[in-house]
Amino acid sequence: MSAMHLPNEPMYGDESSVRRCPWCGDADVRLVTRGYTGPTDEVDQYFTCRTCGETTYELVAKNGREMRMGRYRPGDLYREAPGQHHYRVSRVLKVGVNEYLIYLQPVASVDVASRI
């Protein structure tokens, strides 16, 4: 199955709900939603900017073992494995017996350098 791609249009004319690429500021993004059943089979939720090509994660799924090893807590920094982007953990939600969702907010590289 392929991931479901949603348009990036504001609901009811609310411009604040439009996703923007944090790396270039453009609103031309493609959202890939998370889900195991139905039209999607993605574990994580993210969007890809059509202008700069960067992928930005909104939430990632972890199992209990990964949570214990990673020690993810709100306010901590999270770095995606394949890329160079850093995120701040905004929320950790237990959604099943052995599954957690980590909500992420992108952090500019200047902010990361000041925390290290």
N, C-alpha and C. Protein backbone atom coordinates (compact mmCIF):
# COMPACT_ATOMS: atom_id res chain seq x y z
N MET A 1 0.84 -1.18 0.00
CA MET A 1 0.00 0.00 0.00
C MET A 1 0.88 1.24 0.00
N SER A 2 0.42 2.28 -0.60
CA SER A 2 1.17 3.53 -0.59
C SER A 2 0.56 4.49 0.42
N ALA A 3 1.37 5.45 0.80
CA ALA A 3 0.92 6.43 1.80
C ALA A 3 -0.08 7.40 1.18
N MET A 4 -0.98 7.88 2.02
CA MET A 4 -1.98 8.83 1.55
C MET A 4 -1.37 10.23 1.57
N HIS A 5 -1.53 10.96 0.48
CA HIS A 5 -1.01 12.31 0.37
C HIS A 5 -2.18 13.28 0.39
N LEU A 6 -2.15 14.22 1.30
CA LEU A 6 -3.24 15.16 1.47
C LEU A 6 -2.86 16.53 0.93
N PRO A 7 -3.83 17.27 0.43
CA PRO A 7 -3.54 18.63 -0.02
C PRO A 7 -3.22 19.52 1.18
N ASN A 8 -2.51 20.58 0.92
CA ASN A 8 -2.12 21.51 1.99
C ASN A 8 -2.99 22.75 1.92
N GLU A 9 -4.29 22.56 2.05
CA GLU A 9 -5.22 23.68 1.97
C GLU A 9 -5.81 23.95 3.35
N PRO A 10 -5.92 25.23 3.74
CA PRO A 10 -6.49 25.54 5.05
C PRO A 10 -7.97 25.20 5.09
N MET A 11 -8.43 24.77 6.26
CA MET A 11 -9.85 24.48 6.43
C MET A 11 -10.58 25.77 6.74
N TYR A 12 -11.68 26.01 6.06
CA TYR A 12 -12.54 27.17 6.31
C TYR A 12 -11.78 28.49 6.23
N GLY A 13 -10.77 28.57 5.38
CA GLY A 13 -10.04 29.82 5.17
C GLY A 13 -9.07 30.19 6.27
N ASP A 14 -8.77 29.28 7.17
CA ASP A 14 -7.85 29.56 8.28
C ASP A 14 -6.41 29.39 7.79
N GLU A 15 -5.71 30.50 7.56
CA GLU A 15 -4.34 30.45 7.06
C GLU A 15 -3.36 29.87 8.07
N SER A 16 -3.68 29.91 9.36
CA SER A 16 -2.76 29.41 10.38
C SER A 16 -2.63 27.90 10.34
N SER A 17 -3.57 27.20 9.69
CA SER A 17 -3.50 25.75 9.64
C SER A 17 -2.69 25.23 8.45
N VAL A 18 -2.16 26.12 7.61
CA VAL A 18 -1.36 25.70 6.47
C VAL A 18 0.03 25.30 6.95
N ARG A 19 0.48 24.13 6.53
CA ARG A 19 1.84 23.69 6.88
C ARG A 19 2.85 24.42 6.00
N ARG A 20 3.90 24.89 6.62
CA ARG A 20 4.99 25.54 5.89
C ARG A 20 6.29 24.80 6.18
N CYS A 21 7.13 24.72 5.18
CA CYS A 21 8.44 24.10 5.35
C CYS A 21 9.25 24.97 6.31
N PRO A 22 9.74 24.40 7.42
CA PRO A 22 10.52 25.20 8.36
C PRO A 22 11.91 25.55 7.83
N TRP A 23 12.33 24.87 6.78
CA TRP A 23 13.69 25.07 6.26
C TRP A 23 13.73 26.15 5.18
N CYS A 24 12.65 26.30 4.37
CA CYS A 24 12.66 27.34 3.33
C CYS A 24 11.46 28.28 3.43
N GLY A 25 10.43 27.93 4.22
CA GLY A 25 9.28 28.79 4.43
C GLY A 25 8.16 28.64 3.42
N ASP A 26 8.31 27.77 2.44
CA ASP A 26 7.30 27.60 1.40
C ASP A 26 6.14 26.74 1.91
N ALA A 27 4.93 27.02 1.41
CA ALA A 27 3.74 26.26 1.82
C ALA A 27 3.40 25.15 0.83
N ASP A 28 4.21 24.94 -0.18
CA ASP A 28 3.96 23.90 -1.18
C ASP A 28 4.55 22.59 -0.68
N VAL A 29 3.80 21.90 0.21
CA VAL A 29 4.28 20.67 0.82
C VAL A 29 3.30 19.53 0.56
N ARG A 30 3.80 18.31 0.69
CA ARG A 30 3.00 17.10 0.53
C ARG A 30 3.01 16.36 1.86
N LEU A 31 1.83 16.21 2.46
CA LEU A 31 1.68 15.57 3.77
C LEU A 31 1.49 14.07 3.59
N VAL A 32 2.22 13.29 4.39
CA VAL A 32 2.05 11.84 4.43
C VAL A 32 1.60 11.50 5.84
N THR A 33 0.37 11.01 5.97
CA THR A 33 -0.19 10.73 7.29
C THR A 33 0.18 9.33 7.76
N ARG A 34 0.11 9.15 9.05
CA ARG A 34 0.44 7.89 9.69
C ARG A 34 -0.79 7.00 9.70
N GLY A 35 -0.58 5.69 9.61
CA GLY A 35 -1.69 4.76 9.74
C GLY A 35 -1.31 3.37 9.32
N TYR A 36 -1.91 2.39 9.95
CA TYR A 36 -1.64 0.99 9.63
C TYR A 36 -2.74 0.38 8.78
N THR A 37 -3.93 0.94 8.83
CA THR A 37 -5.04 0.38 8.07
C THR A 37 -5.58 1.43 7.12
N GLY A 38 -6.34 0.98 6.17
CA GLY A 38 -6.90 1.92 5.21
C GLY A 38 -5.89 2.27 4.13
N PRO A 39 -5.90 3.52 3.68
CA PRO A 39 -5.06 3.89 2.54
C PRO A 39 -3.58 4.09 2.87
N THR A 40 -3.19 4.09 4.15
CA THR A 40 -1.79 4.34 4.48
C THR A 40 -1.17 3.17 5.21
N ASP A 41 0.13 3.07 5.12
CA ASP A 41 0.87 2.07 5.88
C ASP A 41 2.15 2.68 6.45
N GLU A 42 2.12 3.97 6.70
CA GLU A 42 3.27 4.68 7.25
C GLU A 42 3.24 4.61 8.78
N VAL A 43 4.41 4.43 9.36
CA VAL A 43 4.54 4.41 10.82
C VAL A 43 4.63 5.83 11.37
N ASP A 44 5.31 6.71 10.63
CA ASP A 44 5.52 8.09 11.07
C ASP A 44 4.68 9.04 10.22
N GLN A 45 4.49 10.25 10.71
CA GLN A 45 3.79 11.28 9.94
C GLN A 45 4.78 12.39 9.62
N TYR A 46 4.82 12.79 8.36
CA TYR A 46 5.78 13.80 7.93
C TYR A 46 5.26 14.52 6.70
N PHE A 47 5.93 15.61 6.33
CA PHE A 47 5.61 16.27 5.07
C PHE A 47 6.91 16.59 4.34
N THR A 48 6.82 16.61 3.01
CA THR A 48 7.97 16.88 2.16
C THR A 48 7.71 18.17 1.40
N CYS A 49 8.69 19.06 1.40
CA CYS A 49 8.58 20.33 0.69
C CYS A 49 8.85 20.09 -0.79
N ARG A 50 7.96 20.58 -1.63
CA ARG A 50 8.14 20.42 -3.06
C ARG A 50 9.16 21.40 -3.62
N THR A 51 9.48 22.45 -2.88
CA THR A 51 10.44 23.45 -3.34
C THR A 51 11.87 23.03 -3.04
N CYS A 52 12.16 22.75 -1.77
CA CYS A 52 13.55 22.42 -1.40
C CYS A 52 13.79 20.92 -1.27
N GLY A 53 12.71 20.11 -1.23
CA GLY A 53 12.86 18.66 -1.16
C GLY A 53 13.12 18.10 0.23
N GLU A 54 13.13 18.94 1.25
CA GLU A 54 13.40 18.48 2.62
C GLU A 54 12.18 17.80 3.22
N THR A 55 12.43 16.79 4.04
CA THR A 55 11.37 16.09 4.76
C THR A 55 11.37 16.56 6.20
N THR A 56 10.18 16.87 6.72
CA THR A 56 10.02 17.33 8.09
C THR A 56 9.07 16.38 8.81
N TYR A 57 9.53 15.79 9.90
CA TYR A 57 8.70 14.87 10.67
C TYR A 57 7.85 15.62 11.67
N GLU A 58 6.59 15.22 11.79
CA GLU A 58 5.68 15.79 12.79
C GLU A 58 5.54 14.85 13.98
N LEU A 59 5.50 13.55 13.72
CA LEU A 59 5.48 12.59 14.81
C LEU A 59 6.13 11.30 14.34
N VAL A 60 6.79 10.64 15.29
CA VAL A 60 7.44 9.36 15.02
C VAL A 60 6.95 8.35 16.04
N ALA A 61 6.88 7.10 15.62
CA ALA A 61 6.43 6.03 16.50
C ALA A 61 7.64 5.26 17.04
N LYS A 62 7.59 4.91 18.30
CA LYS A 62 8.65 4.12 18.94
C LYS A 62 7.99 3.03 19.77
N ASN A 63 8.71 1.90 19.91
CA ASN A 63 8.20 0.85 20.79
C ASN A 63 8.80 1.04 22.19
N GLY A 64 8.40 0.21 23.12
CA GLY A 64 8.85 0.35 24.50
C GLY A 64 10.35 0.27 24.67
N ARG A 65 10.98 -0.64 23.96
CA ARG A 65 12.44 -0.80 24.04
C ARG A 65 13.15 0.45 23.53
N GLU A 66 12.70 0.97 22.39
CA GLU A 66 13.30 2.20 21.84
C GLU A 66 13.11 3.37 22.80
N MET A 67 11.98 3.42 23.47
CA MET A 67 11.73 4.51 24.43
C MET A 67 12.69 4.43 25.61
N ARG A 68 12.93 3.21 26.12
CA ARG A 68 13.86 3.06 27.25
C ARG A 68 15.28 3.41 26.84
N MET A 69 15.69 3.00 25.64
CA MET A 69 17.06 3.26 25.19
C MET A 69 17.25 4.73 24.80
N GLY A 70 16.23 5.34 24.20
CA GLY A 70 16.34 6.72 23.74
C GLY A 70 16.07 7.74 24.81
N ARG A 71 15.31 7.35 25.82
CA ARG A 71 14.94 8.26 26.92
C ARG A 71 14.36 9.56 26.38
N TYR A 72 13.31 9.45 25.60
CA TYR A 72 12.66 10.62 25.01
C TYR A 72 11.73 11.27 26.02
N ARG A 73 11.93 12.56 26.25
CA ARG A 73 11.10 13.33 27.17
C ARG A 73 10.77 14.67 26.53
N PRO A 74 9.61 15.25 26.86
CA PRO A 74 9.29 16.58 26.32
C PRO A 74 10.38 17.59 26.66
N GLY A 75 10.74 18.38 25.67
CA GLY A 75 11.80 19.38 25.84
C GLY A 75 13.16 18.92 25.36
N ASP A 76 13.36 17.60 25.25
CA ASP A 76 14.65 17.07 24.78
C ASP A 76 14.80 17.27 23.28
N LEU A 77 16.04 17.18 22.81
CA LEU A 77 16.32 17.26 21.38
C LEU A 77 16.27 15.87 20.77
N TYR A 78 15.76 15.78 19.56
CA TYR A 78 15.67 14.53 18.80
C TYR A 78 16.31 14.78 17.45
N ARG A 79 17.15 13.86 17.01
CA ARG A 79 17.77 13.99 15.70
C ARG A 79 17.36 12.80 14.85
N GLU A 80 16.86 13.09 13.65
CA GLU A 80 16.47 12.01 12.76
C GLU A 80 17.73 11.29 12.29
N ALA A 81 17.66 9.98 12.18
CA ALA A 81 18.84 9.17 11.86
C ALA A 81 19.44 9.47 10.49
N PRO A 82 18.67 9.47 9.40
CA PRO A 82 19.31 9.64 8.10
C PRO A 82 19.67 11.08 7.75
N GLY A 83 19.08 12.04 8.41
CA GLY A 83 19.28 13.44 8.01
C GLY A 83 20.03 14.25 9.04
N GLN A 84 20.10 15.52 8.80
CA GLN A 84 20.83 16.43 9.67
C GLN A 84 19.91 17.31 10.51
N HIS A 85 18.61 17.13 10.40
CA HIS A 85 17.68 18.02 11.09
C HIS A 85 17.51 17.62 12.55
N HIS A 86 17.31 18.63 13.37
CA HIS A 86 17.04 18.42 14.79
C HIS A 86 15.61 18.86 15.09
N TYR A 87 15.03 18.21 16.11
CA TYR A 87 13.67 18.52 16.52
C TYR A 87 13.64 18.59 18.04
N ARG A 88 12.66 19.32 18.55
CA ARG A 88 12.40 19.34 19.99
C ARG A 88 11.18 18.46 20.23
N VAL A 89 11.28 17.57 21.22
CA VAL A 89 10.16 16.71 21.58
C VAL A 89 9.14 17.57 22.30
N SER A 90 7.94 17.68 21.73
CA SER A 90 6.91 18.51 22.36
C SER A 90 5.97 17.68 23.23
N ARG A 91 5.83 16.39 22.90
CA ARG A 91 4.88 15.56 23.65
C ARG A 91 5.19 14.10 23.39
N VAL A 92 5.00 13.26 24.39
CA VAL A 92 5.13 11.81 24.25
C VAL A 92 3.81 11.21 24.68
N LEU A 93 3.23 10.41 23.80
CA LEU A 93 1.91 9.85 24.04
C LEU A 93 1.96 8.33 23.92
N LYS A 94 1.51 7.61 24.96
CA LYS A 94 1.43 6.16 24.89
C LYS A 94 0.11 5.80 24.22
N VAL A 95 0.18 5.07 23.09
CA VAL A 95 -1.03 4.80 22.31
C VAL A 95 -1.40 3.32 22.26
N GLY A 96 -0.60 2.48 22.84
CA GLY A 96 -0.91 1.05 22.83
C GLY A 96 -0.12 0.36 23.93
N VAL A 97 -0.17 -0.96 23.92
CA VAL A 97 0.56 -1.73 24.93
C VAL A 97 2.05 -1.48 24.81
N ASN A 98 2.55 -1.40 23.58
CA ASN A 98 3.98 -1.26 23.36
C ASN A 98 4.30 -0.22 22.29
N GLU A 99 3.51 0.85 22.21
CA GLU A 99 3.76 1.87 21.20
C GLU A 99 3.59 3.27 21.78
N TYR A 100 4.50 4.14 21.39
CA TYR A 100 4.49 5.53 21.82
C TYR A 100 4.60 6.42 20.59
N LEU A 101 3.94 7.57 20.63
CA LEU A 101 4.08 8.57 19.58
C LEU A 101 4.85 9.75 20.16
N ILE A 102 5.88 10.17 19.45
CA ILE A 102 6.68 11.31 19.86
C ILE A 102 6.36 12.46 18.91
N TYR A 103 5.78 13.52 19.45
CA TYR A 103 5.44 14.70 18.66
C TYR A 103 6.67 15.60 18.60
N LEU A 104 6.99 16.08 17.40
CA LEU A 104 8.22 16.83 17.18
C LEU A 104 7.95 18.22 16.64
N GLN A 105 8.84 19.15 16.97
CA GLN A 105 8.84 20.50 16.41
C GLN A 105 10.25 20.76 15.88
N PRO A 106 10.37 21.22 14.62
CA PRO A 106 11.69 21.48 14.05
C PRO A 106 12.43 22.58 14.82
N VAL A 107 13.74 22.42 14.92
CA VAL A 107 14.60 23.39 15.61
C VAL A 107 15.64 23.86 14.61
N ALA A 108 15.84 25.16 14.52
CA ALA A 108 16.86 25.72 13.63
C ALA A 108 18.25 25.30 14.12
N SER A 109 19.18 25.12 13.20
CA SER A 109 20.52 24.66 13.56
C SER A 109 21.24 25.65 14.48
N VAL A 110 20.90 26.93 14.41
CA VAL A 110 21.51 27.93 15.30
C VAL A 110 21.11 27.66 16.74
N ASP A 111 19.83 27.31 16.96
CA ASP A 111 19.34 27.00 18.30
C ASP A 111 20.01 25.75 18.85
N VAL A 112 20.24 24.76 18.00
CA VAL A 112 20.87 23.50 18.42
C VAL A 112 22.30 23.77 18.86
N ALA A 113 23.05 24.57 18.11
CA ALA A 113 24.44 24.87 18.44
C ALA A 113 24.56 25.55 19.80
N SER A 114 23.60 26.37 20.15
CA SER A 114 23.65 27.06 21.43
C SER A 114 23.35 26.14 22.60
N ARG A 115 22.66 25.01 22.37
CA ARG A 115 22.31 24.07 23.44
C ARG A 115 23.40 23.04 23.70
N ILE A 116 24.30 22.86 22.74
CA ILE A 116 25.32 21.80 22.87
C ILE A 116 26.50 22.29 23.67
